[in-house]
């Protein structure tokens, strides 16, 4: 299993991929493979109404992407970022 780094006390973790996922289709294929193969060894169960719940299924999906550019800017530090012009609308000033 991959190594994940816990970020907060919430159920959240981050993993840096050694090889980026090429596109959405590749990502969906990866998810479908996990569902089909049950590679984590999950166990199906029956709920209170007698309905069998599969071992692995799509329930809720939430994915966050951190772009390479954003990561590089963070690593470069504040002094290396391009200056942002002071806009009156951003500061909330009236003309």
Protein backbone atom coordinates (compact mmCIF):
# COMPACT_ATOMS: atom_id res chain seq x y z
CA UNK A 1 0.00 0.00 0.00
CA UNK A 2 1.17 3.51 -0.70
CA UNK A 3 2.49 5.84 1.95
CA UNK A 4 0.15 8.68 2.82
CA UNK A 5 1.03 11.74 4.87
CA UNK A 6 -1.61 12.81 7.39
CA UNK A 7 -2.35 16.53 6.99
CA UNK A 8 -4.85 17.21 9.80
CA UNK A 9 -6.72 15.41 12.55
CA UNK A 10 -9.59 14.96 10.08
CA UNK A 11 -9.75 11.93 7.81
CA UNK A 12 -7.54 13.48 5.17
CA UNK A 13 -4.22 12.45 3.69
CA UNK A 14 -1.97 13.46 0.81
CA UNK A 15 0.12 11.31 -1.46
CA UNK A 16 2.58 12.61 -4.05
CA UNK A 17 2.43 10.34 -7.09
CA UNK A 18 5.72 9.27 -8.63
CA UNK A 19 4.02 9.11 -12.04
CA UNK A 20 1.16 11.57 -12.66
CA UNK A 21 -2.19 10.24 -13.87
CA UNK A 22 -2.34 11.16 -17.55
CA UNK A 23 -6.00 12.11 -17.95
CA UNK A 24 -9.52 11.67 -16.58
CA UNK A 25 -10.07 8.46 -18.54
CA UNK A 26 -6.97 6.88 -16.99
CA UNK A 27 -8.15 7.99 -13.56
CA UNK A 28 -11.62 6.50 -14.08
CA UNK A 29 -10.03 3.25 -15.32
CA UNK A 30 -7.93 3.11 -12.16
CA UNK A 31 -10.99 3.59 -9.95
CA UNK A 32 -12.96 0.97 -11.89
CA UNK A 33 -10.05 -1.48 -11.51
CA UNK A 34 -10.13 -1.01 -7.72
CA UNK A 35 -13.90 -1.61 -7.72
CA UNK A 36 -13.67 -4.70 -9.95
CA UNK A 37 -10.60 -6.33 -8.34
CA UNK A 38 -11.33 -5.37 -4.71
CA UNK A 39 -7.58 -4.95 -4.25
CA UNK A 40 -8.01 -3.68 -0.68
CA UNK A 41 -9.79 -6.86 0.45
CA UNK A 42 -13.01 -5.12 1.50
CA UNK A 43 -15.99 -7.24 2.61
CA UNK A 44 -19.58 -6.95 1.40
CA UNK A 45 -22.34 -6.69 4.00
CA UNK A 46 -26.12 -6.67 4.33
CA UNK A 47 -27.82 -3.56 5.71
CA UNK A 48 -30.82 -3.45 8.09
CA UNK A 49 -33.28 -3.65 5.19
CA UNK A 50 -31.70 -6.87 3.89
CA UNK A 51 -30.05 -5.19 0.92
CA UNK A 52 -26.56 -6.48 0.15
CA UNK A 53 -23.99 -3.72 -0.14
CA UNK A 54 -21.02 -4.57 -2.39
CA UNK A 55 -17.54 -4.63 -0.88
CA UNK A 56 -16.39 -1.69 -3.02
CA UNK A 57 -18.63 0.84 -4.71
CA UNK A 58 -18.71 4.47 -5.75
CA UNK A 59 -20.39 6.43 -3.00
CA UNK A 60 -19.18 10.02 -2.91
CA UNK A 61 -16.38 11.38 -5.00
CA UNK A 62 -14.25 14.34 -4.06
CA UNK A 63 -10.82 14.85 -5.52
CA UNK A 64 -8.44 17.74 -5.15
CA UNK A 65 -5.77 18.51 -7.69
CA UNK A 66 -2.73 20.55 -6.84
CA UNK A 67 -1.16 21.75 -10.03
CA UNK A 68 2.55 21.52 -10.67
CA UNK A 69 2.75 25.31 -11.10
CA UNK A 70 1.19 25.96 -7.70
CA UNK A 71 3.59 23.51 -6.04
CA UNK A 72 6.59 25.13 -7.71
CA UNK A 73 5.49 28.60 -6.64
CA UNK A 74 5.12 27.41 -3.06
CA UNK A 75 8.59 25.86 -3.12
CA UNK A 76 10.13 28.95 -4.72
CA UNK A 77 9.08 31.12 -1.83
CA UNK A 78 7.36 34.45 -1.61
CA UNK A 79 10.23 36.57 -2.95
CA UNK A 80 10.33 34.78 -6.31
CA UNK A 81 6.66 35.20 -7.17
CA UNK A 82 5.61 37.90 -9.59
CA UNK A 83 4.19 40.95 -7.85
CA UNK A 84 0.43 41.36 -7.87
CA UNK A 85 -0.75 44.88 -8.75
CA UNK A 86 -2.77 46.65 -6.09
CA UNK A 87 -6.22 47.00 -7.52
CA UNK A 88 -8.74 49.28 -5.83
CA UNK A 89 -11.50 46.73 -6.35
CA UNK A 90 -9.51 44.06 -4.52
CA UNK A 91 -8.86 46.33 -1.54
CA UNK A 92 -12.51 47.39 -1.48
CA UNK A 93 -11.85 51.08 -2.16
CA UNK A 94 -14.35 53.21 -4.01
CA UNK A 95 -13.42 55.35 -6.98
